[in-house]
Amino acid sequence: MPEENSTLDAMYERYDAFAEGRRPGDSRPLYAAILARLAENGHLAEARGWRDVALERLRGHLQLTGVAPDATTRTRVPDIRTGEL
């Protein structure tokens, strides 16, 4: 499945399958795609007014968190490309 059409959660599900031995092959390209998506989402979020955007490790995965333009508390930044949250 091309990564550009996948949600971040779906990408992590495939990555977990590699890590757990349920999927053969090299997980490095997929992990690089995950990092690229997180970087892209960070740039897009900041351009849309999110503040204090940062990478955090939550439940074993890297995720972006920040303060939405109309909020005062930190929350997970959505996967802006796919609209996932």
C-alpha atoms as a PDB file:
ATOM      1  CA  MET A   1       0.000   0.000   0.000  1.00  0.00           C
ATOM      2  CA  PRO A   2       1.518   3.339  -0.975  1.00  0.00           C
ATOM      3  CA  GLU A   3       2.324   5.304   2.161  1.00  0.00           C
ATOM      4  CA  GLU A   4       1.107   8.623   0.738  1.00  0.00           C
ATOM      5  CA  ASN A   5      -2.461   7.227   0.712  1.00  0.00           C
ATOM      6  CA  SER A   6      -2.266   5.603   4.151  1.00  0.00           C
ATOM      7  CA  THR A   7      -3.309   7.078   7.450  1.00  0.00           C
ATOM      8  CA  LEU A   8      -0.602   7.407  10.059  1.00  0.00           C
ATOM      9  CA  ASP A   9      -2.420   4.845  12.224  1.00  0.00           C
ATOM     10  CA  ALA A  10      -2.447   2.356   9.325  1.00  0.00           C
ATOM     11  CA  MET A  11       1.262   2.931   8.772  1.00  0.00           C
ATOM     12  CA  TYR A  12       1.926   2.203  12.461  1.00  0.00           C
ATOM     13  CA  GLU A  13      -0.188  -0.974  12.255  1.00  0.00           C
ATOM     14  CA  ARG A  14       1.995  -2.238   9.403  1.00  0.00           C
ATOM     15  CA  TYR A  15       5.146  -1.208  11.280  1.00  0.00           C
ATOM     16  CA  ASP A  16       3.969  -3.108  14.378  1.00  0.00           C
ATOM     17  CA  ALA A  17       3.420  -6.182  12.209  1.00  0.00           C
ATOM     18  CA  PHE A  18       7.107  -6.027  11.194  1.00  0.00           C
ATOM     19  CA  ALA A  19       8.198  -5.536  14.801  1.00  0.00           C
ATOM     20  CA  GLU A  20       6.097  -8.462  16.026  1.00  0.00           C
ATOM     21  CA  GLY A  21       7.312 -10.787  13.257  1.00  0.00           C
ATOM     22  CA  ARG A  22       3.904 -11.036  11.579  1.00  0.00           C
ATOM     23  CA  ARG A  23       5.235  -9.456   8.394  1.00  0.00           C
ATOM     24  CA  PRO A  24       8.549 -10.318   6.745  1.00  0.00           C
ATOM     25  CA  GLY A  25      10.870  -7.757   5.267  1.00  0.00           C
ATOM     26  CA  ASP A  26      12.625  -4.529   6.069  1.00  0.00           C
ATOM     27  CA  SER A  27      10.702  -2.055   8.241  1.00  0.00           C
ATOM     28  CA  ARG A  28      13.159   0.817   7.742  1.00  0.00           C
ATOM     29  CA  PRO A  29      11.499   2.358   4.638  1.00  0.00           C
ATOM     30  CA  LEU A  30       8.137   2.302   6.399  1.00  0.00           C
ATOM     31  CA  TYR A  31       9.594   3.904   9.526  1.00  0.00           C
ATOM     32  CA  ALA A  32      11.217   6.586   7.368  1.00  0.00           C
ATOM     33  CA  ALA A  33       7.802   7.251   5.799  1.00  0.00           C
ATOM     34  CA  ILE A  34       6.260   7.548   9.277  1.00  0.00           C
ATOM     35  CA  LEU A  35       8.906  10.079  10.329  1.00  0.00           C
ATOM     36  CA  ALA A  36       8.380  12.039   7.097  1.00  0.00           C
ATOM     37  CA  ARG A  37       4.606  12.116   7.680  1.00  0.00           C
ATOM     38  CA  LEU A  38       5.096  13.332  11.246  1.00  0.00           C
ATOM     39  CA  ALA A  39       7.409  16.099  10.004  1.00  0.00           C
ATOM     40  CA  GLU A  40       4.924  17.091   7.299  1.00  0.00           C
ATOM     41  CA  ASN A  41       2.050  17.154   9.795  1.00  0.00           C
ATOM     42  CA  GLY A  42       4.126  19.295  12.135  1.00  0.00           C
ATOM     43  CA  HIS A  43       4.793  21.882   9.438  1.00  0.00           C
ATOM     44  CA  LEU A  44       1.152  21.886   8.319  1.00  0.00           C
ATOM     45  CA  ALA A  45      -0.127  22.166  11.894  1.00  0.00           C
ATOM     46  CA  GLU A  46       2.114  25.135  12.651  1.00  0.00           C
ATOM     47  CA  ALA A  47       1.023  26.809   9.409  1.00  0.00           C
ATOM     48  CA  ARG A  48      -2.584  26.352  10.562  1.00  0.00           C
ATOM     49  CA  GLY A  49      -1.947  27.998  13.904  1.00  0.00           C
ATOM     50  CA  TRP A  50      -1.076  25.085  16.196  1.00  0.00           C
ATOM     51  CA  ARG A  51       1.334  26.078  18.985  1.00  0.00           C
ATOM     52  CA  ASP A  52       4.006  24.170  20.893  1.00  0.00           C
ATOM     53  CA  VAL A  53       4.034  21.273  18.418  1.00  0.00           C
ATOM     54  CA  ALA A  54       6.356  18.512  19.612  1.00  0.00           C
ATOM     55  CA  LEU A  55       7.078  14.822  19.101  1.00  0.00           C
ATOM     56  CA  GLU A  56       6.190  12.640  22.071  1.00  0.00           C
ATOM     57  CA  ARG A  57       6.345   8.897  22.559  1.00  0.00           C
ATOM     58  CA  LEU A  58       2.859   7.678  23.440  1.00  0.00           C
ATOM     59  CA  ARG A  59       2.119   3.979  23.827  1.00  0.00           C
ATOM     60  CA  GLY A  60       5.383   3.120  22.074  1.00  0.00           C
ATOM     61  CA  HIS A  61       4.809   5.297  19.014  1.00  0.00           C
ATOM     62  CA  LEU A  62       6.048   8.767  18.169  1.00  0.00           C
ATOM     63  CA  GLN A  63       3.138  11.161  17.858  1.00  0.00           C
ATOM     64  CA  LEU A  64       2.754  14.887  17.428  1.00  0.00           C
ATOM     65  CA  THR A  65       1.062  16.849  20.137  1.00  0.00           C
ATOM     66  CA  GLY A  66       0.360  20.522  20.387  1.00  0.00           C
ATOM     67  CA  VAL A  67      -2.153  23.203  21.246  1.00  0.00           C
ATOM     68  CA  ALA A  68      -4.817  23.736  18.580  1.00  0.00           C
ATOM     69  CA  PRO A  69      -5.536  27.341  17.558  1.00  0.00           C
ATOM     70  CA  ASP A  70      -8.804  27.438  19.516  1.00  0.00           C
ATOM     71  CA  ALA A  71      -7.621  25.406  22.536  1.00  0.00           C
ATOM     72  CA  THR A  72      -5.609  25.855  25.708  1.00  0.00           C
ATOM     73  CA  THR A  73      -4.526  22.246  26.364  1.00  0.00           C
ATOM     74  CA  ARG A  74      -2.237  19.902  24.460  1.00  0.00           C
ATOM     75  CA  THR A  75      -3.769  17.256  22.256  1.00  0.00           C
ATOM     76  CA  ARG A  76      -2.702  14.932  19.479  1.00  0.00           C
ATOM     77  CA  VAL A  77      -2.147  16.704  16.169  1.00  0.00           C
ATOM     78  CA  PRO A  78      -4.328  15.042  13.512  1.00  0.00           C
ATOM     79  CA  ASP A  79      -2.859  13.384  10.447  1.00  0.00           C
ATOM     80  CA  ILE A  80      -3.633  16.462   8.394  1.00  0.00           C
ATOM     81  CA  ARG A  81      -3.045  14.828   4.995  1.00  0.00           C
ATOM     82  CA  THR A  82      -5.730  12.198   5.565  1.00  0.00           C
ATOM     83  CA  GLY A  83      -7.911  13.967   8.138  1.00  0.00           C
ATOM     84  CA  GLU A  84      -7.310  11.182  10.658  1.00  0.00           C
ATOM     85  CA  LEU A  85      -7.533  11.770  14.379  1.00  0.00           C
END
